[in-house]
């Protein structure tokens, strides 16, 4: 039994979004590159492929060589898919709470130092204005 696969990749190549469609089967590999204007959604890509399927111009078939892909057990495939989708956890709940506390402290320090800088700048400005007034008085 012969198996094949197809992958669709949408990426940004300045100044356009490009759809790269690759298909493989029977020991050959073919690719097709299609430009899009704005970033297409999943539905737009699917509708485009359904509508223009017969008119796609693929590259000449290239013989594929190399080791066959290893079979992955369904449990492992499910685990890998879950890991790819979920963000990496930072550890225990206590570690997550400490990380959150550090982030809050960082933002509080940033706010405080910014307020101090602004207050110092206002004080310097007021001092300059006062000196200017004194010079204009004369005496």
N, C-alpha and C. Protein backbone atom coordinates (compact mmCIF):
# COMPACT_ATOMS: atom_id res chain seq x y z
N UNK A 1 0.84 -1.18 0.00
CA UNK A 1 0.00 0.00 0.00
C UNK A 1 0.89 1.25 0.00
N UNK A 2 0.59 2.17 -0.84
CA UNK A 2 1.37 3.38 -0.99
C UNK A 2 0.76 4.50 -0.14
N UNK A 3 1.61 5.20 0.60
CA UNK A 3 1.10 6.30 1.41
C UNK A 3 1.71 7.60 0.91
N UNK A 4 1.03 8.66 1.17
CA UNK A 4 1.50 9.98 0.78
C UNK A 4 1.08 10.99 1.83
N UNK A 5 1.62 12.16 1.73
CA UNK A 5 1.24 13.21 2.66
C UNK A 5 1.28 14.54 1.94
N UNK A 6 0.62 15.51 2.53
CA UNK A 6 0.63 16.87 2.00
C UNK A 6 0.71 17.82 3.18
N UNK A 7 1.50 18.87 3.03
CA UNK A 7 1.59 19.89 4.07
C UNK A 7 1.34 21.25 3.44
N UNK A 8 0.67 22.08 4.21
CA UNK A 8 0.39 23.45 3.77
C UNK A 8 1.00 24.38 4.81
N UNK A 9 1.84 25.30 4.36
CA UNK A 9 2.48 26.26 5.25
C UNK A 9 2.16 27.65 4.74
N UNK A 10 1.70 28.51 5.64
CA UNK A 10 1.45 29.91 5.29
C UNK A 10 2.48 30.73 6.06
N UNK A 11 3.28 31.52 5.33
CA UNK A 11 4.30 32.33 5.98
C UNK A 11 4.40 33.69 5.30
N UNK A 12 5.03 34.61 5.99
CA UNK A 12 5.18 35.97 5.48
C UNK A 12 6.53 36.12 4.82
N UNK A 13 6.51 36.43 3.53
CA UNK A 13 7.72 36.75 2.78
C UNK A 13 7.50 38.15 2.23
N UNK A 14 8.21 39.09 2.82
CA UNK A 14 7.99 40.50 2.55
C UNK A 14 7.83 40.78 1.07
N UNK A 15 6.81 41.38 0.57
CA UNK A 15 5.71 42.06 1.21
C UNK A 15 4.41 41.26 1.21
N UNK A 16 4.44 39.96 0.88
CA UNK A 16 3.21 39.19 0.76
C UNK A 16 3.20 38.00 1.70
N UNK A 17 2.00 37.47 1.94
CA UNK A 17 1.84 36.19 2.60
C UNK A 17 1.88 35.13 1.50
N UNK A 18 2.57 34.04 1.75
CA UNK A 18 2.76 33.00 0.75
C UNK A 18 2.27 31.66 1.30
N UNK A 19 1.55 30.93 0.45
CA UNK A 19 1.09 29.59 0.80
C UNK A 19 2.02 28.60 0.11
N UNK A 20 2.66 27.74 0.87
CA UNK A 20 3.56 26.73 0.32
C UNK A 20 2.88 25.38 0.50
N UNK A 21 2.55 24.74 -0.61
CA UNK A 21 1.85 23.47 -0.59
C UNK A 21 2.82 22.40 -1.06
N UNK A 22 3.09 21.42 -0.20
CA UNK A 22 4.02 20.34 -0.54
C UNK A 22 3.28 19.02 -0.47
N UNK A 23 3.52 18.18 -1.45
CA UNK A 23 2.90 16.86 -1.42
C UNK A 23 3.94 15.81 -1.80
N UNK A 24 3.76 14.63 -1.22
CA UNK A 24 4.71 13.56 -1.42
C UNK A 24 3.95 12.25 -1.51
N UNK A 25 4.44 11.39 -2.33
CA UNK A 25 3.83 10.08 -2.46
C UNK A 25 4.51 9.31 -3.57
N UNK A 26 4.58 8.00 -3.41
CA UNK A 26 5.18 7.18 -4.45
C UNK A 26 6.66 7.46 -4.64
N UNK A 27 7.35 7.93 -3.62
CA UNK A 27 8.77 8.19 -3.74
C UNK A 27 9.10 9.50 -4.43
N UNK A 28 8.12 10.39 -4.62
CA UNK A 28 8.37 11.68 -5.26
C UNK A 28 7.90 12.81 -4.35
N UNK A 29 8.42 13.99 -4.62
CA UNK A 29 8.08 15.18 -3.86
C UNK A 29 7.79 16.30 -4.84
N UNK A 30 6.70 17.05 -4.60
CA UNK A 30 6.33 18.18 -5.45
C UNK A 30 5.94 19.35 -4.55
N UNK A 31 6.15 20.57 -5.04
CA UNK A 31 5.82 21.76 -4.26
C UNK A 31 5.16 22.80 -5.16
N UNK A 32 4.33 23.62 -4.52
CA UNK A 32 3.65 24.70 -5.22
C UNK A 32 3.65 25.91 -4.31
N UNK A 33 3.97 27.07 -4.85
CA UNK A 33 4.05 28.30 -4.05
C UNK A 33 3.03 29.29 -4.60
N UNK A 34 2.15 29.79 -3.72
CA UNK A 34 1.09 30.69 -4.14
C UNK A 34 1.13 31.97 -3.31
N UNK A 35 1.16 33.14 -3.93
CA UNK A 35 1.17 34.38 -3.16
C UNK A 35 -0.25 34.77 -2.72
N UNK A 36 -0.35 35.32 -1.53
CA UNK A 36 -1.59 35.89 -1.02
C UNK A 36 -1.31 37.34 -0.71
N UNK A 37 -2.33 38.18 -0.70
CA UNK A 37 -2.14 39.58 -0.35
C UNK A 37 -2.08 39.75 1.16
N UNK A 38 -3.25 39.72 1.79
CA UNK A 38 -3.32 39.87 3.24
C UNK A 38 -3.18 38.49 3.89
N UNK A 39 -3.00 38.49 5.20
CA UNK A 39 -2.85 37.22 5.91
C UNK A 39 -4.14 36.41 5.80
N UNK A 40 -4.07 35.21 5.21
CA UNK A 40 -5.29 34.42 5.05
C UNK A 40 -5.61 33.63 6.32
N UNK A 41 -6.89 33.44 6.56
CA UNK A 41 -7.32 32.59 7.66
C UNK A 41 -7.41 31.15 7.20
N UNK A 42 -7.66 30.24 8.14
CA UNK A 42 -7.75 28.83 7.80
C UNK A 42 -8.88 28.57 6.79
N UNK A 43 -10.02 29.24 7.01
CA UNK A 43 -11.15 29.03 6.11
C UNK A 43 -10.84 29.52 4.71
N UNK A 44 -10.13 30.65 4.61
CA UNK A 44 -9.80 31.19 3.29
C UNK A 44 -8.86 30.26 2.54
N UNK A 45 -7.89 29.69 3.24
CA UNK A 45 -6.95 28.77 2.60
C UNK A 45 -7.70 27.53 2.12
N UNK A 46 -8.55 26.99 2.98
CA UNK A 46 -9.31 25.79 2.62
C UNK A 46 -10.22 26.06 1.42
N UNK A 47 -10.93 27.20 1.43
CA UNK A 47 -11.81 27.54 0.32
C UNK A 47 -11.01 27.73 -0.97
N UNK A 48 -9.84 28.37 -0.86
CA UNK A 48 -9.00 28.59 -2.03
C UNK A 48 -8.55 27.26 -2.63
N UNK A 49 -8.12 26.33 -1.77
CA UNK A 49 -7.66 25.03 -2.27
C UNK A 49 -8.81 24.25 -2.90
N UNK A 50 -9.98 24.31 -2.31
CA UNK A 50 -11.12 23.61 -2.90
C UNK A 50 -11.48 24.17 -4.27
N UNK A 51 -11.40 25.49 -4.38
CA UNK A 51 -11.81 26.13 -5.63
C UNK A 51 -10.77 25.99 -6.75
N UNK A 52 -9.49 26.11 -6.40
CA UNK A 52 -8.44 26.14 -7.41
C UNK A 52 -7.59 24.87 -7.44
N UNK A 53 -8.08 23.79 -6.93
CA UNK A 53 -7.30 22.56 -6.80
C UNK A 53 -6.72 22.10 -8.14
N UNK A 54 -7.52 22.12 -9.16
CA UNK A 54 -7.11 21.57 -10.46
C UNK A 54 -6.13 22.49 -11.20
N UNK A 55 -6.07 23.75 -10.81
CA UNK A 55 -5.25 24.71 -11.55
C UNK A 55 -3.88 24.98 -10.90
N UNK A 56 -3.56 24.28 -9.82
CA UNK A 56 -2.28 24.49 -9.14
C UNK A 56 -1.14 23.95 -10.00
N UNK A 57 -0.07 24.71 -10.08
CA UNK A 57 1.09 24.31 -10.88
C UNK A 57 2.20 23.88 -9.92
N UNK A 58 2.46 22.57 -9.89
CA UNK A 58 3.47 22.02 -9.00
C UNK A 58 4.81 21.94 -9.71
N UNK A 59 5.86 21.89 -8.92
CA UNK A 59 7.20 21.72 -9.47
C UNK A 59 7.30 20.32 -10.07
N UNK A 60 8.30 20.10 -10.91
CA UNK A 60 8.48 18.74 -11.43
C UNK A 60 8.78 17.79 -10.27
N UNK A 61 8.30 16.56 -10.36
CA UNK A 61 8.52 15.62 -9.26
C UNK A 61 10.01 15.33 -9.05
N UNK A 62 10.40 15.33 -7.78
CA UNK A 62 11.78 15.05 -7.40
C UNK A 62 11.77 13.73 -6.65
N UNK A 63 12.71 12.85 -7.00
CA UNK A 63 12.78 11.56 -6.33
C UNK A 63 13.19 11.77 -4.88
N UNK A 64 12.46 11.14 -3.99
CA UNK A 64 12.77 11.24 -2.56
C UNK A 64 13.66 10.08 -2.16
N UNK A 65 14.69 10.42 -1.43
CA UNK A 65 15.57 9.38 -0.92
C UNK A 65 15.75 9.60 0.56
N UNK A 66 16.21 8.60 1.23
CA UNK A 66 16.46 8.74 2.65
C UNK A 66 15.67 7.69 3.42
N UNK A 67 15.89 7.65 4.71
CA UNK A 67 15.21 6.64 5.52
C UNK A 67 13.72 6.93 5.61
N UNK A 68 12.92 5.90 5.65
CA UNK A 68 11.48 6.13 5.80
C UNK A 68 11.19 6.70 7.19
N UNK A 69 10.09 7.42 7.30
CA UNK A 69 9.74 8.02 8.59
C UNK A 69 9.40 6.92 9.57
N UNK A 70 9.83 7.12 10.81
CA UNK A 70 9.55 6.11 11.82
C UNK A 70 8.09 6.22 12.24
N UNK A 71 7.53 5.09 12.58
CA UNK A 71 6.14 5.08 13.03
C UNK A 71 6.11 5.52 14.49
N UNK A 72 5.19 6.40 14.80
CA UNK A 72 5.03 6.90 16.16
C UNK A 72 3.76 6.30 16.72
N UNK A 73 3.87 5.80 17.94
CA UNK A 73 2.69 5.19 18.55
C UNK A 73 1.63 6.27 18.79
N UNK A 74 0.37 5.91 18.77
CA UNK A 74 -0.69 6.91 18.97
C UNK A 74 -0.58 7.66 20.30
N UNK A 75 -0.18 6.94 21.35
CA UNK A 75 -0.05 7.61 22.65
C UNK A 75 1.05 8.67 22.60
N UNK A 76 2.19 8.33 22.00
CA UNK A 76 3.29 9.28 21.90
C UNK A 76 2.89 10.47 21.04
N UNK A 77 2.20 10.21 19.94
CA UNK A 77 1.76 11.30 19.06
C UNK A 77 0.83 12.25 19.82
N UNK A 78 -0.08 11.69 20.63
CA UNK A 78 -1.00 12.51 21.41
C UNK A 78 -0.23 13.35 22.43
N UNK A 79 0.75 12.73 23.11
CA UNK A 79 1.55 13.45 24.10
C UNK A 79 2.32 14.59 23.45
N UNK A 80 2.97 14.32 22.32
CA UNK A 80 3.74 15.35 21.63
C UNK A 80 2.85 16.49 21.15
N UNK A 81 1.65 16.17 20.67
CA UNK A 81 0.73 17.21 20.23
C UNK A 81 0.30 18.06 21.42
N UNK A 82 0.03 17.44 22.56
CA UNK A 82 -0.39 18.18 23.75
C UNK A 82 0.74 19.10 24.22
N UNK A 83 1.99 18.60 24.20
CA UNK A 83 3.12 19.43 24.61
C UNK A 83 3.31 20.62 23.68
N UNK A 84 3.09 20.41 22.39
CA UNK A 84 3.27 21.49 21.43
C UNK A 84 2.22 22.58 21.62
N UNK A 85 1.02 22.20 22.02
CA UNK A 85 -0.06 23.17 22.15
C UNK A 85 -0.02 23.89 23.49
N UNK A 86 0.26 23.16 24.57
CA UNK A 86 0.25 23.75 25.90
C UNK A 86 1.53 24.52 26.16
N UNK A 87 1.42 25.67 26.85
CA UNK A 87 2.65 26.37 27.24
C UNK A 87 3.37 25.58 28.32
N UNK A 88 4.67 25.73 28.35
CA UNK A 88 5.46 25.00 29.34
C UNK A 88 5.16 25.54 30.73
N UNK A 89 4.85 24.64 31.67
CA UNK A 89 4.55 25.05 33.03
C UNK A 89 5.85 25.37 33.76
N UNK A 90 5.77 26.29 34.71
CA UNK A 90 6.95 26.71 35.44
C UNK A 90 7.24 25.84 36.65
N UNK A 91 6.51 24.81 36.86
CA UNK A 91 6.75 23.94 38.01
C UNK A 91 5.53 23.89 38.91
N UNK A 92 5.79 23.86 40.19
CA UNK A 92 4.70 23.73 41.15
C UNK A 92 3.93 25.03 41.27
N UNK A 93 2.80 24.95 41.98
CA UNK A 93 1.98 26.15 42.18
C UNK A 93 2.75 27.19 42.99
N UNK A 94 3.55 26.72 43.93
CA UNK A 94 4.33 27.65 44.72
C UNK A 94 5.34 28.40 43.85
N UNK A 95 5.99 27.68 42.94
CA UNK A 95 6.95 28.33 42.05
C UNK A 95 6.25 29.33 41.13
N UNK A 96 5.06 28.97 40.66
CA UNK A 96 4.30 29.88 39.81
C UNK A 96 3.90 31.13 40.59
N UNK A 97 3.49 30.95 41.86
CA UNK A 97 3.11 32.09 42.69
C UNK A 97 4.31 33.01 42.92
N UNK A 98 5.48 32.41 43.18
CA UNK A 98 6.68 33.22 43.38
C UNK A 98 7.06 33.98 42.11
N UNK A 99 6.92 33.33 40.98
CA UNK A 99 7.22 34.01 39.71
C UNK A 99 6.27 35.18 39.50
N UNK A 100 5.00 34.99 39.81
CA UNK A 100 4.01 36.06 39.68
C UNK A 100 4.37 37.21 40.63
N UNK A 101 4.77 36.87 41.84
CA UNK A 101 5.15 37.89 42.82
C UNK A 101 6.36 38.68 42.31
N UNK A 102 7.35 38.00 41.73
CA UNK A 102 8.51 38.70 41.19
C UNK A 102 8.10 39.66 40.08
N UNK A 103 7.21 39.22 39.20
CA UNK A 103 6.77 40.07 38.10
C UNK A 103 6.04 41.31 38.64
N UNK A 104 5.20 41.13 39.65
CA UNK A 104 4.49 42.27 40.24
C UNK A 104 5.48 43.24 40.88
N UNK A 105 6.51 42.68 41.56
CA UNK A 105 7.53 43.54 42.16
C UNK A 105 8.29 44.33 41.11
N UNK A 106 8.58 43.67 39.98
CA UNK A 106 9.27 44.35 38.88
C UNK A 106 8.47 45.54 38.37
N UNK A 107 7.17 45.31 38.14
CA UNK A 107 6.34 46.40 37.62
C UNK A 107 6.20 47.51 38.65
N UNK A 108 6.09 47.16 39.94
CA UNK A 108 5.98 48.18 40.99
C UNK A 108 7.26 49.01 41.06
N UNK A 109 8.43 48.35 40.98
CA UNK A 109 9.70 49.07 41.00
C UNK A 109 9.82 49.99 39.79
N UNK A 110 9.38 49.50 38.65
CA UNK A 110 9.46 50.32 37.44
C UNK A 110 8.59 51.55 37.58
N UNK A 111 7.36 51.39 38.11
CA UNK A 111 6.47 52.53 38.31
C UNK A 111 7.08 53.53 39.29
N UNK A 112 7.65 53.02 40.38
CA UNK A 112 8.22 53.89 41.41
C UNK A 112 9.42 54.66 40.87
N UNK A 113 10.32 53.96 40.16
CA UNK A 113 11.50 54.65 39.63
C UNK A 113 11.11 55.66 38.56
N UNK A 114 10.09 55.38 37.80
CA UNK A 114 9.64 56.33 36.78
C UNK A 114 9.06 57.58 37.45
N UNK A 115 8.28 57.37 38.51
CA UNK A 115 7.72 58.51 39.23
C UNK A 115 8.83 59.35 39.85
N UNK A 116 9.86 58.69 40.40
CA UNK A 116 10.99 59.43 40.98
C UNK A 116 11.73 60.23 39.91
N UNK A 117 11.95 59.62 38.74
CA UNK A 117 12.63 60.34 37.65
C UNK A 117 11.83 61.56 37.23
N UNK A 118 10.51 61.38 37.10
CA UNK A 118 9.67 62.50 36.67
C UNK A 118 9.67 63.61 37.73
N UNK A 119 9.61 63.22 39.02
CA UNK A 119 9.63 64.23 40.08
C UNK A 119 10.95 64.99 40.07
N UNK A 120 12.05 64.29 39.87
CA UNK A 120 13.36 64.95 39.81
C UNK A 120 13.43 65.89 38.61
N UNK A 121 12.89 65.46 37.49
CA UNK A 121 12.90 66.32 36.31
C UNK A 121 12.06 67.57 36.55
N UNK A 122 10.91 67.43 37.20
CA UNK A 122 10.07 68.59 37.50
C UNK A 122 10.79 69.53 38.46
N UNK A 123 11.49 68.97 39.44
CA UNK A 123 12.23 69.79 40.41
C UNK A 123 13.33 70.57 39.71
N UNK A 124 14.07 69.92 38.81
CA UNK A 124 15.13 70.61 38.07
C UNK A 124 14.54 71.72 37.21
N UNK A 125 13.39 71.44 36.57
CA UNK A 125 12.75 72.45 35.73
C UNK A 125 12.33 73.65 36.58
N UNK A 126 11.73 73.37 37.75
CA UNK A 126 11.30 74.46 38.63
C UNK A 126 12.51 75.28 39.08
N UNK A 127 13.62 74.65 39.39
CA UNK A 127 14.83 75.36 39.80
C UNK A 127 15.35 76.25 38.67
N UNK A 128 15.35 75.73 37.44
CA UNK A 128 15.79 76.54 36.29
C UNK A 128 14.89 77.75 36.10
N UNK A 129 13.59 77.55 36.24
CA UNK A 129 12.65 78.65 36.08
C UNK A 129 12.90 79.72 37.15
N UNK A 130 13.14 79.26 38.36
CA UNK A 130 13.39 80.20 39.46
C UNK A 130 14.66 81.01 39.19
N UNK A 131 15.71 80.34 38.72
CA UNK A 131 16.95 81.05 38.40
C UNK A 131 16.72 82.07 37.29
N UNK A 132 15.92 81.72 36.32
CA UNK A 132 15.62 82.67 35.23
C UNK A 132 14.90 83.88 35.77
N UNK A 133 13.95 83.68 36.69
CA UNK A 133 13.21 84.81 37.27
C UNK A 133 14.16 85.72 38.06
N UNK A 134 15.08 85.08 38.81
CA UNK A 134 16.03 85.87 39.59
C UNK A 134 16.92 86.72 38.68
N UNK A 135 17.34 86.16 37.56
CA UNK A 135 18.20 86.91 36.63
C UNK A 135 17.44 88.09 36.03
N UNK A 136 16.17 87.91 35.76
CA UNK A 136 15.38 88.96 35.14
C UNK A 136 15.11 90.11 36.11
N UNK A 137 15.10 89.81 37.43
CA UNK A 137 14.85 90.84 38.41
C UNK A 137 15.96 91.89 38.38
N UNK A 138 17.14 91.40 38.21
CA UNK A 138 18.25 92.33 38.15
C UNK A 138 19.05 92.31 39.42
N UNK A 139 18.75 93.03 40.37
CA UNK A 139 19.46 93.26 41.62
C UNK A 139 20.15 92.08 42.07
